[in-house]
PDB file of N, CA and C in Angstrom:
ATOM      1  N   LYS A   1      -1.491  18.172   9.392  1.00  0.00           N
ATOM      2  CA  LYS A   1      -0.712  17.180  10.137  1.00  0.00           C
ATOM      3  C   LYS A   1      -0.788  15.833   9.428  1.00  0.00           C
ATOM      4  N   ASN A   2       0.236  15.048   9.604  1.00  0.00           N
ATOM      5  CA  ASN A   2       0.286  13.728   9.000  1.00  0.00           C
ATOM      6  C   ASN A   2       0.147  12.683  10.099  1.00  0.00           C
ATOM      7  N   ILE A   3      -1.036  12.107  10.208  1.00  0.00           N
ATOM      8  CA  ILE A   3      -1.303  11.148  11.278  1.00  0.00           C
ATOM      9  C   ILE A   3      -0.425   9.900  11.138  1.00  0.00           C
ATOM     10  N   VAL A   4      -0.109   9.508   9.909  1.00  0.00           N
ATOM     11  CA  VAL A   4       0.759   8.343   9.702  1.00  0.00           C
ATOM     12  C   VAL A   4       2.124   8.599  10.330  1.00  0.00           C
ATOM     13  N   ALA A   5       2.719   9.723  10.013  1.00  0.00           N
ATOM     14  CA  ALA A   5       4.036  10.062  10.566  1.00  0.00           C
ATOM     15  C   ALA A   5       3.973  10.182  12.083  1.00  0.00           C
ATOM     16  N   ASP A   6       2.884  10.754  12.595  1.00  0.00           N
ATOM     17  CA  ASP A   6       2.755  10.914  14.045  1.00  0.00           C
ATOM     18  C   ASP A   6       2.671   9.564  14.752  1.00  0.00           C
ATOM     19  N   ILE A   7       1.909   8.620  14.183  1.00  0.00           N
ATOM     20  CA  ILE A   7       1.795   7.288  14.791  1.00  0.00           C
ATOM     21  C   ILE A   7       3.135   6.568  14.719  1.00  0.00           C
ATOM     22  N   GLU A   8       3.783   6.612  13.565  1.00  0.00           N
ATOM     23  CA  GLU A   8       5.070   5.927  13.426  1.00  0.00           C
ATOM     24  C   GLU A   8       6.143   6.572  14.294  1.00  0.00           C
ATOM     25  N   ALA A   9       6.046   7.885  14.520  1.00  0.00           N
ATOM     26  CA  ALA A   9       7.024   8.582  15.363  1.00  0.00           C
ATOM     27  C   ALA A   9       6.932   8.154  16.824  1.00  0.00           C
ATOM     28  N   LEU A  10       5.812   7.555  17.214  1.00  0.00           N
ATOM     29  CA  LEU A  10       5.686   7.054  18.587  1.00  0.00           C
ATOM     30  C   LEU A  10       6.705   5.946  18.858  1.00  0.00           C
ATOM     31  N   ARG A  11       7.057   5.220  17.815  1.00  0.00           N
ATOM     32  CA  ARG A  11       7.990   4.088  17.915  1.00  0.00           C
ATOM     33  C   ARG A  11       7.564   3.108  19.014  1.00  0.00           C
ATOM     34  N   HIS A  12       6.255   2.873  19.069  1.00  0.00           N
ATOM     35  CA  HIS A  12       5.737   1.927  20.061  1.00  0.00           C
ATOM     36  C   HIS A  12       6.084   0.514  19.607  1.00  0.00           C
ATOM     37  N   PRO A  13       6.511  -0.350  20.520  1.00  0.00           N
ATOM     38  CA  PRO A  13       6.922  -1.698  20.114  1.00  0.00           C
ATOM     39  C   PRO A  13       5.807  -2.546  19.498  1.00  0.00           C
ATOM     40  N   LEU A  14       4.554  -2.180  19.695  1.00  0.00           N
ATOM     41  CA  LEU A  14       3.462  -2.942  19.089  1.00  0.00           C
ATOM     42  C   LEU A  14       3.093  -2.453  17.690  1.00  0.00           C
ATOM     43  N   VAL A  15       3.637  -1.305  17.268  1.00  0.00           N
ATOM     44  CA  VAL A  15       3.322  -0.762  15.943  1.00  0.00           C
ATOM     45  C   VAL A  15       4.452  -1.104  14.976  1.00  0.00           C
ATOM     46  N   ASP A  16       4.119  -1.920  13.967  1.00  0.00           N
ATOM     47  CA  ASP A  16       5.104  -2.247  12.941  1.00  0.00           C
ATOM     48  C   ASP A  16       5.174  -1.111  11.918  1.00  0.00           C
ATOM     49  N   HIS A  17       4.027  -0.769  11.349  1.00  0.00           N
ATOM     50  CA  HIS A  17       3.946   0.352  10.410  1.00  0.00           C
ATOM     51  C   HIS A  17       2.483   0.713  10.204  1.00  0.00           C
ATOM     52  N   VAL A  18       2.276   1.797   9.475  1.00  0.00           N
ATOM     53  CA  VAL A  18       0.927   2.246   9.136  1.00  0.00           C
ATOM     54  C   VAL A  18       0.807   2.215   7.625  1.00  0.00           C
ATOM     55  N   ARG A  19      -0.293   1.643   7.139  1.00  0.00           N
ATOM     56  CA  ARG A  19      -0.503   1.572   5.695  1.00  0.00           C
ATOM     57  C   ARG A  19      -1.843   2.214   5.347  1.00  0.00           C
ATOM     58  N   GLY A  20      -2.011   2.522   4.085  1.00  0.00           N
ATOM     59  CA  GLY A  20      -3.265   3.094   3.619  1.00  0.00           C
ATOM     60  C   GLY A  20      -3.046   4.434   2.958  1.00  0.00           C
ATOM     61  N   ALA A  21      -4.166   5.085   2.648  1.00  0.00           N
ATOM     62  CA  ALA A  21      -4.108   6.382   1.974  1.00  0.00           C
ATOM     63  C   ALA A  21      -5.157   7.306   2.570  1.00  0.00           C
ATOM     64  N   GLY A  22      -4.828   8.583   2.583  1.00  0.00           N
ATOM     65  CA  GLY A  22      -5.761   9.553   3.149  1.00  0.00           C
ATOM     66  C   GLY A  22      -6.002   9.257   4.617  1.00  0.00           C
ATOM     67  N   LEU A  23      -7.272   9.205   4.988  1.00  0.00           N
ATOM     68  CA  LEU A  23      -7.605   8.891   6.376  1.00  0.00           C
ATOM     69  C   LEU A  23      -8.022   7.443   6.565  1.00  0.00           C
ATOM     70  N   LEU A  24      -8.100   6.652   5.495  1.00  0.00           N
ATOM     71  CA  LEU A  24      -8.417   5.231   5.612  1.00  0.00           C
ATOM     72  C   LEU A  24      -7.100   4.492   5.807  1.00  0.00           C
ATOM     73  N   LEU A  25      -6.797   4.206   7.062  1.00  0.00           N
ATOM     74  CA  LEU A  25      -5.480   3.689   7.425  1.00  0.00           C
ATOM     75  C   LEU A  25      -5.581   2.377   8.178  1.00  0.00           C
ATOM     76  N   GLY A  26      -4.512   1.610   8.125  1.00  0.00           N
ATOM     77  CA  GLY A  26      -4.384   0.397   8.919  1.00  0.00           C
ATOM     78  C   GLY A  26      -3.102   0.471   9.727  1.00  0.00           C
ATOM     79  N   ILE A  27      -3.231   0.283  11.033  1.00  0.00           N
ATOM     80  CA  ILE A  27      -2.050   0.201  11.895  1.00  0.00           C
ATOM     81  C   ILE A  27      -1.694  -1.275  11.987  1.00  0.00           C
ATOM     82  N   VAL A  28      -0.561  -1.646  11.409  1.00  0.00           N
ATOM     83  CA  VAL A  28      -0.109  -3.030  11.418  1.00  0.00           C
ATOM     84  C   VAL A  28       0.661  -3.253  12.715  1.00  0.00           C
ATOM     85  N   LEU A  29       0.187  -4.217  13.486  1.00  0.00           N
ATOM     86  CA  LEU A  29       0.765  -4.495  14.795  1.00  0.00           C
ATOM     87  C   LEU A  29       1.836  -5.575  14.705  1.00  0.00           C
ATOM     88  N   THR A  30       2.687  -5.633  15.697  1.00  0.00           N
ATOM     89  CA  THR A  30       3.723  -6.660  15.754  1.00  0.00           C
ATOM     90  C   THR A  30       3.212  -7.942  16.404  1.00  0.00           C
ATOM     91  N   ARG A  31       2.019  -7.878  16.987  1.00  0.00           N
ATOM     92  CA  ARG A  31       1.384  -9.065  17.581  1.00  0.00           C
ATOM     93  C   ARG A  31      -0.072  -9.099  17.142  1.00  0.00           C
ATOM     94  N   ASP A  32      -0.652 -10.275  17.125  1.00  0.00           N
ATOM     95  CA  ASP A  32      -2.047 -10.435  16.712  1.00  0.00           C
ATOM     96  C   ASP A  32      -2.987 -10.161  17.881  1.00  0.00           C
ATOM     97  N   ILE A  33      -3.065  -8.880  18.263  1.00  0.00           N
ATOM     98  CA  ILE A  33      -3.919  -8.498  19.390  1.00  0.00           C
ATOM     99  C   ILE A  33      -4.909  -7.402  19.001  1.00  0.00           C
ATOM    100  N   ALA A  34      -5.244  -7.321  17.713  1.00  0.00           N
ATOM    101  CA  ALA A  34      -6.140  -6.257  17.249  1.00  0.00           C
ATOM    102  C   ALA A  34      -7.487  -6.242  17.972  1.00  0.00           C
ATOM    103  N   PRO A  35      -8.126  -7.399  18.249  1.00  0.00           N
ATOM    104  CA  PRO A  35      -9.397  -7.328  18.977  1.00  0.00           C
ATOM    105  C   PRO A  35      -9.258  -6.678  20.358  1.00  0.00           C
ATOM    106  N   ALA A  36      -8.165  -6.948  21.042  1.00  0.00           N
ATOM    107  CA  ALA A  36      -7.937  -6.325  22.353  1.00  0.00           C
ATOM    108  C   ALA A  36      -7.672  -4.830  22.206  1.00  0.00           C
ATOM    109  N   VAL A  37      -6.983  -4.433  21.136  1.00  0.00           N
ATOM    110  CA  VAL A  37      -6.739  -3.009  20.886  1.00  0.00           C
ATOM    111  C   VAL A  37      -8.061  -2.315  20.572  1.00  0.00           C
ATOM    112  N   GLU A  38      -8.908  -2.954  19.780  1.00  0.00           N
ATOM    113  CA  GLU A  38     -10.223  -2.384  19.466  1.00  0.00           C
ATOM    114  C   GLU A  38     -11.012  -2.134  20.752  1.00  0.00           C
ATOM    115  N   SER A  39     -11.011  -3.104  21.648  1.00  0.00           N
ATOM    116  CA  SER A  39     -11.729  -2.965  22.919  1.00  0.00           C
ATOM    117  C   SER A  39     -11.137  -1.860  23.789  1.00  0.00           C
ATOM    118  N   ALA A  40      -9.818  -1.816  23.885  1.00  0.00           N
ATOM    119  CA  ALA A  40      -9.157  -0.784  24.696  1.00  0.00           C
ATOM    120  C   ALA A  40      -9.403   0.606  24.116  1.00  0.00           C
ATOM    121  N   ALA A  41      -9.413   0.712  22.795  1.00  0.00           N
ATOM    122  CA  ALA A  41      -9.686   2.001  22.153  1.00  0.00           C
ATOM    123  C   ALA A  41     -11.117   2.442  22.445  1.00  0.00           C
ATOM    124  N   ARG A  42     -12.055   1.497  22.376  1.00  0.00           N
ATOM    125  CA  ARG A  42     -13.449   1.817  22.678  1.00  0.00           C
ATOM    126  C   ARG A  42     -13.576   2.312  24.112  1.00  0.00           C
ATOM    127  N   ASP A  43     -12.892   1.632  25.032  1.00  0.00           N
ATOM    128  CA  ASP A  43     -12.911   2.049  26.440  1.00  0.00           C
ATOM    129  C   ASP A  43     -12.355   3.461  26.611  1.00  0.00           C
ATOM    130  N   ALA A  44     -11.420   3.843  25.739  1.00  0.00           N
ATOM    131  CA  ALA A  44     -10.813   5.177  25.800  1.00  0.00           C
ATOM    132  C   ALA A  44     -11.606   6.216  25.004  1.00  0.00           C
ATOM    133  N   GLY A  45     -12.699   5.780  24.363  1.00  0.00           N
ATOM    134  CA  GLY A  45     -13.546   6.714  23.633  1.00  0.00           C
ATOM    135  C   GLY A  45     -13.261   6.835  22.147  1.00  0.00           C
ATOM    136  N   TYR A  46     -12.535   5.880  21.584  1.00  0.00           N
ATOM    137  CA  TYR A  46     -12.192   5.912  20.160  1.00  0.00           C
ATOM    138  C   TYR A  46     -12.764   4.683  19.463  1.00  0.00           C
ATOM    139  N   LEU A  47     -13.308   4.875  18.273  1.00  0.00           N
ATOM    140  CA  LEU A  47     -13.842   3.771  17.485  1.00  0.00           C
ATOM    141  C   LEU A  47     -12.834   3.384  16.415  1.00  0.00           C
ATOM    142  N   VAL A  48     -12.329   2.179  16.525  1.00  0.00           N
ATOM    143  CA  VAL A  48     -11.447   1.600  15.516  1.00  0.00           C
ATOM    144  C   VAL A  48     -11.978   0.203  15.240  1.00  0.00           C
ATOM    145  N   ASN A  49     -11.420  -0.466  14.246  1.00  0.00           N
ATOM    146  CA  ASN A  49     -11.904  -1.780  13.857  1.00  0.00           C
ATOM    147  C   ASN A  49     -10.733  -2.742  13.731  1.00  0.00           C
ATOM    148  N   ALA A  50     -10.886  -3.923  14.323  1.00  0.00           N
ATOM    149  CA  ALA A  50      -9.885  -4.978  14.161  1.00  0.00           C
ATOM    150  C   ALA A  50     -10.129  -5.620  12.796  1.00  0.00           C
ATOM    151  N   ALA A  51      -9.480  -5.099  11.774  1.00  0.00           N
ATOM    152  CA  ALA A  51      -9.695  -5.562  10.403  1.00  0.00           C
ATOM    153  C   ALA A  51      -9.118  -6.956  10.179  1.00  0.00           C
ATOM    154  N   GLN A  52      -8.031  -7.254  10.845  1.00  0.00           N
ATOM    155  CA  GLN A  52      -7.366  -8.553  10.816  1.00  0.00           C
ATOM    156  C   GLN A  52      -6.802  -8.770  12.212  1.00  0.00           C
ATOM    157  N   PRO A  53      -6.358  -9.972  12.544  1.00  0.00           N
ATOM    158  CA  PRO A  53      -5.833 -10.195  13.900  1.00  0.00           C
ATOM    159  C   PRO A  53      -4.692  -9.255  14.284  1.00  0.00           C
ATOM    160  N   GLY A  54      -3.923  -8.798  13.293  1.00  0.00           N
ATOM    161  CA  GLY A  54      -2.798  -7.920  13.581  1.00  0.00           C
ATOM    162  C   GLY A  54      -2.902  -6.550  12.944  1.00  0.00           C
ATOM    163  N   VAL A  55      -4.125  -6.130  12.592  1.00  0.00           N
ATOM    164  CA  VAL A  55      -4.300  -4.830  11.930  1.00  0.00           C
ATOM    165  C   VAL A  55      -5.509  -4.102  12.512  1.00  0.00           C
ATOM    166  N   ILE A  56      -5.275  -2.857  12.895  1.00  0.00           N
ATOM    167  CA  ILE A  56      -6.351  -1.978  13.350  1.00  0.00           C
ATOM    168  C   ILE A  56      -6.677  -1.013  12.218  1.00  0.00           C
ATOM    169  N   ARG A  57      -7.957  -0.944  11.847  1.00  0.00           N
ATOM    170  CA  ARG A  57      -8.391  -0.032  10.789  1.00  0.00           C
ATOM    171  C   ARG A  57      -8.856   1.280  11.411  1.00  0.00           C
ATOM    172  N   LEU A  58      -8.364   2.379  10.844  1.00  0.00           N
ATOM    173  CA  LEU A  58      -8.830   3.710  11.211  1.00  0.00           C
ATOM    174  C   LEU A  58      -9.626   4.247  10.033  1.00  0.00           C
ATOM    175  N   ALA A  59     -10.829   4.705  10.282  1.00  0.00           N
ATOM    176  CA  ALA A  59     -11.657   5.306   9.237  1.00  0.00           C
ATOM    177  C   ALA A  59     -12.405   6.480   9.853  1.00  0.00           C
ATOM    178  N   PRO A  60     -11.668   7.526  10.221  1.00  0.00           N
ATOM    179  CA  PRO A  60     -12.305   8.665  10.890  1.00  0.00           C
ATOM    180  C   PRO A  60     -13.183   9.457   9.921  1.00  0.00           C
ATOM    181  N   PRO A  61     -14.094  10.256  10.460  1.00  0.00           N
ATOM    182  CA  PRO A  61     -14.940  11.074   9.590  1.00  0.00           C
ATOM    183  C   PRO A  61     -14.100  12.097   8.823  1.00  0.00           C
ATOM    184  N   LEU A  62     -14.618  12.524   7.702  1.00  0.00           N
ATOM    185  CA  LEU A  62     -13.894  13.500   6.879  1.00  0.00           C
ATOM    186  C   LEU A  62     -13.759  14.847   7.569  1.00  0.00           C
ATOM    187  N   VAL A  63     -14.543  15.082   8.606  1.00  0.00           N
ATOM    188  CA  VAL A  63     -14.484  16.356   9.332  1.00  0.00           C
ATOM    189  C   VAL A  63     -13.564  16.264  10.553  1.00  0.00           C
ATOM    190  N   LEU A  64     -12.693  15.260  10.572  1.00  0.00           N
ATOM    191  CA  LEU A  64     -11.732  15.093  11.668  1.00  0.00           C
ATOM    192  C   LEU A  64     -10.853  16.336  11.780  1.00  0.00           C
ATOM    193  N   THR A  65     -10.747  16.856  12.996  1.00  0.00           N
ATOM    194  CA  THR A  65      -9.898  18.032  13.201  1.00  0.00           C
ATOM    195  C   THR A  65      -8.482  17.604  13.561  1.00  0.00           C
ATOM    196  N   ASP A  66      -7.540  18.518  13.403  1.00  0.00           N
ATOM    197  CA  ASP A  66      -6.164  18.233  13.818  1.00  0.00           C
ATOM    198  C   ASP A  66      -6.126  17.895  15.300  1.00  0.00           C
ATOM    199  N   GLY A  67      -6.904  18.589  16.099  1.00  0.00           N
ATOM    200  CA  GLY A  67      -6.932  18.337  17.536  1.00  0.00           C
ATOM    201  C   GLY A  67      -7.426  16.946  17.871  1.00  0.00           C
ATOM    202  N   GLN A  68      -8.449  16.475  17.160  1.00  0.00           N
ATOM    203  CA  GLN A  68      -8.955  15.123  17.385  1.00  0.00           C
ATOM    204  C   GLN A  68      -7.913  14.079  16.990  1.00  0.00           C
ATOM    205  N   ALA A  69      -7.232  14.302  15.883  1.00  0.00           N
ATOM    206  CA  ALA A  69      -6.187  13.377  15.448  1.00  0.00           C
ATOM    207  C   ALA A  69      -5.045  13.352  16.459  1.00  0.00           C
ATOM    208  N   GLU A  70      -4.659  14.524  16.948  1.00  0.00           N
ATOM    209  CA  GLU A  70      -3.590  14.602  17.948  1.00  0.00           C
ATOM    210  C   GLU A  70      -3.990  13.894  19.234  1.00  0.00           C
ATOM    211  N   SER A  71      -5.245  14.036  19.646  1.00  0.00           N
ATOM    212  CA  SER A  71      -5.722  13.367  20.859  1.00  0.00           C
ATOM    213  C   SER A  71      -5.628  11.857  20.712  1.00  0.00           C
ATOM    214  N   PHE A  72      -6.000  11.342  19.524  1.00  0.00           N
ATOM    215  CA  PHE A  72      -5.914   9.906  19.293  1.00  0.00           C
ATOM    216  C   PHE A  72      -4.467   9.438  19.352  1.00  0.00           C
ATOM    217  N   VAL A  73      -3.585  10.144  18.672  1.00  0.00           N
ATOM    218  CA  VAL A  73      -2.167   9.752  18.657  1.00  0.00           C
ATOM    219  C   VAL A  73      -1.591   9.785  20.072  1.00  0.00           C
ATOM    220  N   GLU A  74      -1.961  10.791  20.850  1.00  0.00           N
ATOM    221  CA  GLU A  74      -1.476  10.880  22.233  1.00  0.00           C
ATOM    222  C   GLU A  74      -2.016   9.738  23.086  1.00  0.00           C
ATOM    223  N   ALA A  75      -3.248   9.298  22.822  1.00  0.00           N
ATOM    224  CA  ALA A  75      -3.864   8.221  23.601  1.00  0.00           C
ATOM    225  C   ALA A  75      -3.402   6.838  23.154  1.00  0.00           C
ATOM    226  N   LEU A  76      -2.900   6.718  21.938  1.00  0.00           N
ATOM    227  CA  LEU A  76      -2.577   5.413  21.364  1.00  0.00           C
ATOM    228  C   LEU A  76      -1.593   4.585  22.188  1.00  0.00           C
ATOM    229  N   PRO A  77      -0.492   5.127  22.701  1.00  0.00           N
ATOM    230  CA  PRO A  77       0.409   4.276  23.487  1.00  0.00           C
ATOM    231  C   PRO A  77      -0.282   3.628  24.690  1.00  0.00           C
ATOM    232  N   ALA A  78      -1.106   4.376  25.406  1.00  0.00           N
ATOM    233  CA  ALA A  78      -1.813   3.815  26.561  1.00  0.00           C
ATOM    234  C   ALA A  78      -2.827   2.764  26.113  1.00  0.00           C
ATOM    235  N   ILE A  79      -3.469   2.995  24.976  1.00  0.00           N
ATOM    236  CA  ILE A  79      -4.419   2.017  24.434  1.00  0.00           C
ATOM    237  C   ILE A  79      -3.692   0.718  24.104  1.00  0.00           C
ATOM    238  N   LEU A  80      -2.559   0.819  23.426  1.00  0.00           N
ATOM    239  CA  LEU A  80      -1.785  -0.372  23.070  1.00  0.00           C
ATOM    240  C   LEU A  80      -1.275  -1.096  24.308  1.00  0.00           C
ATOM    241  N   ASP A  81      -0.780  -0.341  25.277  1.00  0.00           N
ATOM    242  CA  ASP A  81      -0.282  -0.949  26.512  1.00  0.00           C
ATOM    243  C   ASP A  81      -1.398  -1.671  27.255  1.00  0.00           C
ATOM    244  N   SER A  82      -2.571  -1.066  27.308  1.00  0.00           N
ATOM    245  CA  SER A  82      -3.717  -1.676  27.974  1.00  0.00           C
ATOM    246  C   SER A  82      -4.125  -2.968  27.279  1.00  0.00           C
ATOM    247  N   ALA A  83      -4.156  -2.943  25.954  1.00  0.00           N
ATOM    248  CA  ALA A  83      -4.519  -4.137  25.192  1.00  0.00           C
ATOM    249  C   ALA A  83      -3.524  -5.260  25.437  1.00  0.00           C
ATOM    250  N   LEU A  84      -2.245  -4.944  25.410  1.00  0.00           N
ATOM    251  CA  LEU A  84      -1.223  -5.960  25.645  1.00  0.00           C
ATOM    252  C   LEU A  84      -1.342  -6.531  27.046  1.00  0.00           C
ATOM    253  N   SER A  85      -1.571  -5.685  28.023  1.00  0.00           N
ATOM    254  CA  SER A  85      -1.733  -6.140  29.402  1.00  0.00           C
ATOM    255  C   SER A  85      -2.921  -7.091  29.522  1.00  0.00           C
ATOM    256  N   THR A  86      -4.027  -6.743  28.872  1.00  0.00           N
ATOM    257  CA  THR A  86      -5.218  -7.596  28.903  1.00  0.00           C
ATOM    258  C   THR A  86      -4.925  -8.955  28.292  1.00  0.00           C
ATOM    259  N   VAL A  87      -4.246  -8.967  27.151  1.00  0.00           N
ATOM    260  CA  VAL A  87      -3.912 -10.224  26.479  1.00  0.00           C
ATOM    261  C   VAL A  87      -2.972 -11.054  27.342  1.00  0.00           C
ATOM    262  N   GLU A  88      -1.959 -10.418  27.905  1.00  0.00           N
ATOM    263  CA  GLU A  88      -0.992 -11.152  28.726  1.00  0.00           C
ATOM    264  C   GLU A  88      -1.636 -11.696  29.992  1.00  0.00           C
ATOM    265  N   GLN A  89      -2.584 -10.977  30.570  1.00  0.00           N
ATOM    266  CA  GLN A  89      -3.299 -11.481  31.747  1.00  0.00           C
ATOM    267  C   GLN A  89      -4.100 -12.727  31.382  1.00  0.00           C
ATOM    268  N   GLY A  90      -4.664 -12.740  30.180  1.00  0.00           N
ATOM    269  CA  GLY A  90      -5.434 -13.891  29.726  1.00  0.00           C
ATOM    270  C   GLY A  90      -4.578 -15.098  29.415  1.00  0.00           C
ATOM    271  N   GLU A  91      -3.297 -14.884  29.123  1.00  0.00           N
ATOM    272  CA  GLU A  91      -2.386 -15.983  28.795  1.00  0.00           C
ATOM    273  C   GLU A  91      -1.857 -16.680  30.036  1.00  0.00           C
ATOM    274  N   LYS A  92      -2.008 -16.038  31.193  1.00  0.00           N
ATOM    275  CA  LYS A  92      -1.464 -16.623  32.429  1.00  0.00           C
ATOM    276  C   LYS A  92      -2.390 -17.653  33.018  1.00  0.00           C
TER     277      LYS A  92
END
Protein backbone atom coordinates (compact mmCIF):
# COMPACT_ATOMS: atom_id res chain seq x y z
CA LYS A 1 0.00 0.00 0.00
CA ASN A 2 1.08 3.56 -0.60
CA ILE A 3 0.42 5.62 2.51
CA VAL A 4 1.21 8.86 0.66
CA ALA A 5 -1.48 8.21 -1.94
CA ASP A 6 -3.93 7.11 0.76
CA ILE A 7 -3.42 10.31 2.79
CA GLU A 8 -3.68 12.54 -0.28
CA ALA A 9 -6.78 10.63 -1.45
CA LEU A 10 -8.55 11.78 1.72
CA ARG A 11 -8.61 15.28 0.19
CA HIS A 12 -8.90 16.73 3.67
CA PRO A 13 -8.89 20.55 3.60
CA LEU A 14 -6.06 20.69 6.15
CA VAL A 15 -3.72 18.48 4.06
CA ASP A 16 -1.82 20.35 1.36
CA HIS A 17 0.44 17.45 0.33
CA VAL A 18 2.70 14.72 1.65
CA ARG A 19 6.44 14.85 1.13
CA GLY A 20 9.32 12.53 1.90
CA ALA A 21 10.54 9.10 0.93
CA GLY A 22 9.82 5.61 2.15
CA LEU A 23 8.14 5.78 5.53
CA LEU A 24 9.85 9.02 6.65
CA LEU A 25 7.12 11.41 5.60
CA GLY A 26 5.89 14.91 6.28
CA ILE A 27 2.24 15.87 6.03
CA VAL A 28 2.24 19.52 4.96
CA LEU A 29 -0.79 21.26 6.40
CA THR A 30 -2.71 24.23 5.03
CA ARG A 31 -2.64 25.88 8.47
CA ASP A 32 0.08 26.16 11.11
CA ILE A 33 -1.59 23.83 13.60
CA ALA A 34 0.94 20.97 13.73
CA PRO A 35 1.32 21.08 17.55
CA ALA A 36 -2.45 20.64 17.94
CA VAL A 37 -2.41 17.79 15.40
CA GLU A 38 0.43 16.13 17.32
CA SER A 39 -1.62 16.33 20.52
CA ALA A 40 -4.81 15.05 18.88
CA ALA A 41 -2.89 12.17 17.29
CA ARG A 42 -1.40 11.25 20.66
CA ASP A 43 -4.89 11.29 22.19
CA ALA A 44 -5.97 8.90 19.40
CA GLY A 45 -3.04 6.57 20.10
CA TYR A 46 -0.65 7.64 17.33
CA LEU A 47 2.83 9.13 17.74
CA VAL A 48 3.67 11.86 15.26
CA ASN A 49 5.91 14.91 15.54
CA ALA A 50 5.21 18.56 14.82
CA ALA A 51 8.39 19.08 12.79
CA GLN A 52 7.40 22.63 11.83
CA PRO A 53 4.32 24.74 12.62
CA GLY A 54 2.65 23.45 9.45
CA VAL A 55 4.25 20.01 9.06
CA ILE A 56 3.57 16.72 10.81
CA ARG A 57 6.41 14.19 10.64
CA LEU A 58 5.61 10.50 10.34
CA ALA A 59 8.42 8.09 11.20
CA PRO A 60 6.74 4.73 11.81
CA PRO A 61 8.74 1.62 12.69
CA LEU A 62 10.07 -0.46 9.82
CA VAL A 63 7.78 -3.30 10.94
CA LEU A 64 4.64 -1.22 10.25
CA THR A 65 1.90 -3.44 8.89
CA ASP A 66 -0.54 -2.52 6.15
CA GLY A 67 -3.31 -2.74 8.73
CA GLN A 68 -1.59 -0.27 11.05
CA ALA A 69 -1.04 2.16 8.18
CA GLU A 70 -4.68 1.82 7.12
CA SER A 71 -5.84 2.45 10.70
CA PHE A 72 -3.80 5.66 10.83
CA VAL A 73 -5.13 6.89 7.49
CA GLU A 74 -8.70 6.11 8.58
CA ALA A 75 -8.17 7.98 11.87
CA LEU A 76 -6.43 10.99 10.29
CA PRO A 77 -9.52 13.01 9.28
CA ALA A 78 -10.92 12.88 12.83
CA ILE A 79 -7.48 13.77 14.23
CA LEU A 80 -7.23 16.79 11.93
CA ASP A 81 -10.79 17.88 12.69
CA SER A 82 -10.16 17.60 16.43
CA ALA A 83 -6.97 19.64 16.17
CA LEU A 84 -8.69 22.36 14.17
CA SER A 85 -11.57 22.48 16.63
CA THR A 86 -9.13 22.83 19.54
CA VAL A 87 -7.27 25.66 17.80
CA GLU A 88 -10.47 27.47 16.85
CA GLN A 89 -11.80 27.19 20.42
CA GLY A 90 -8.58 28.80 21.64
CA GLU A 91 -8.96 31.68 19.16
CA LYS A 92 -12.38 32.66 20.50
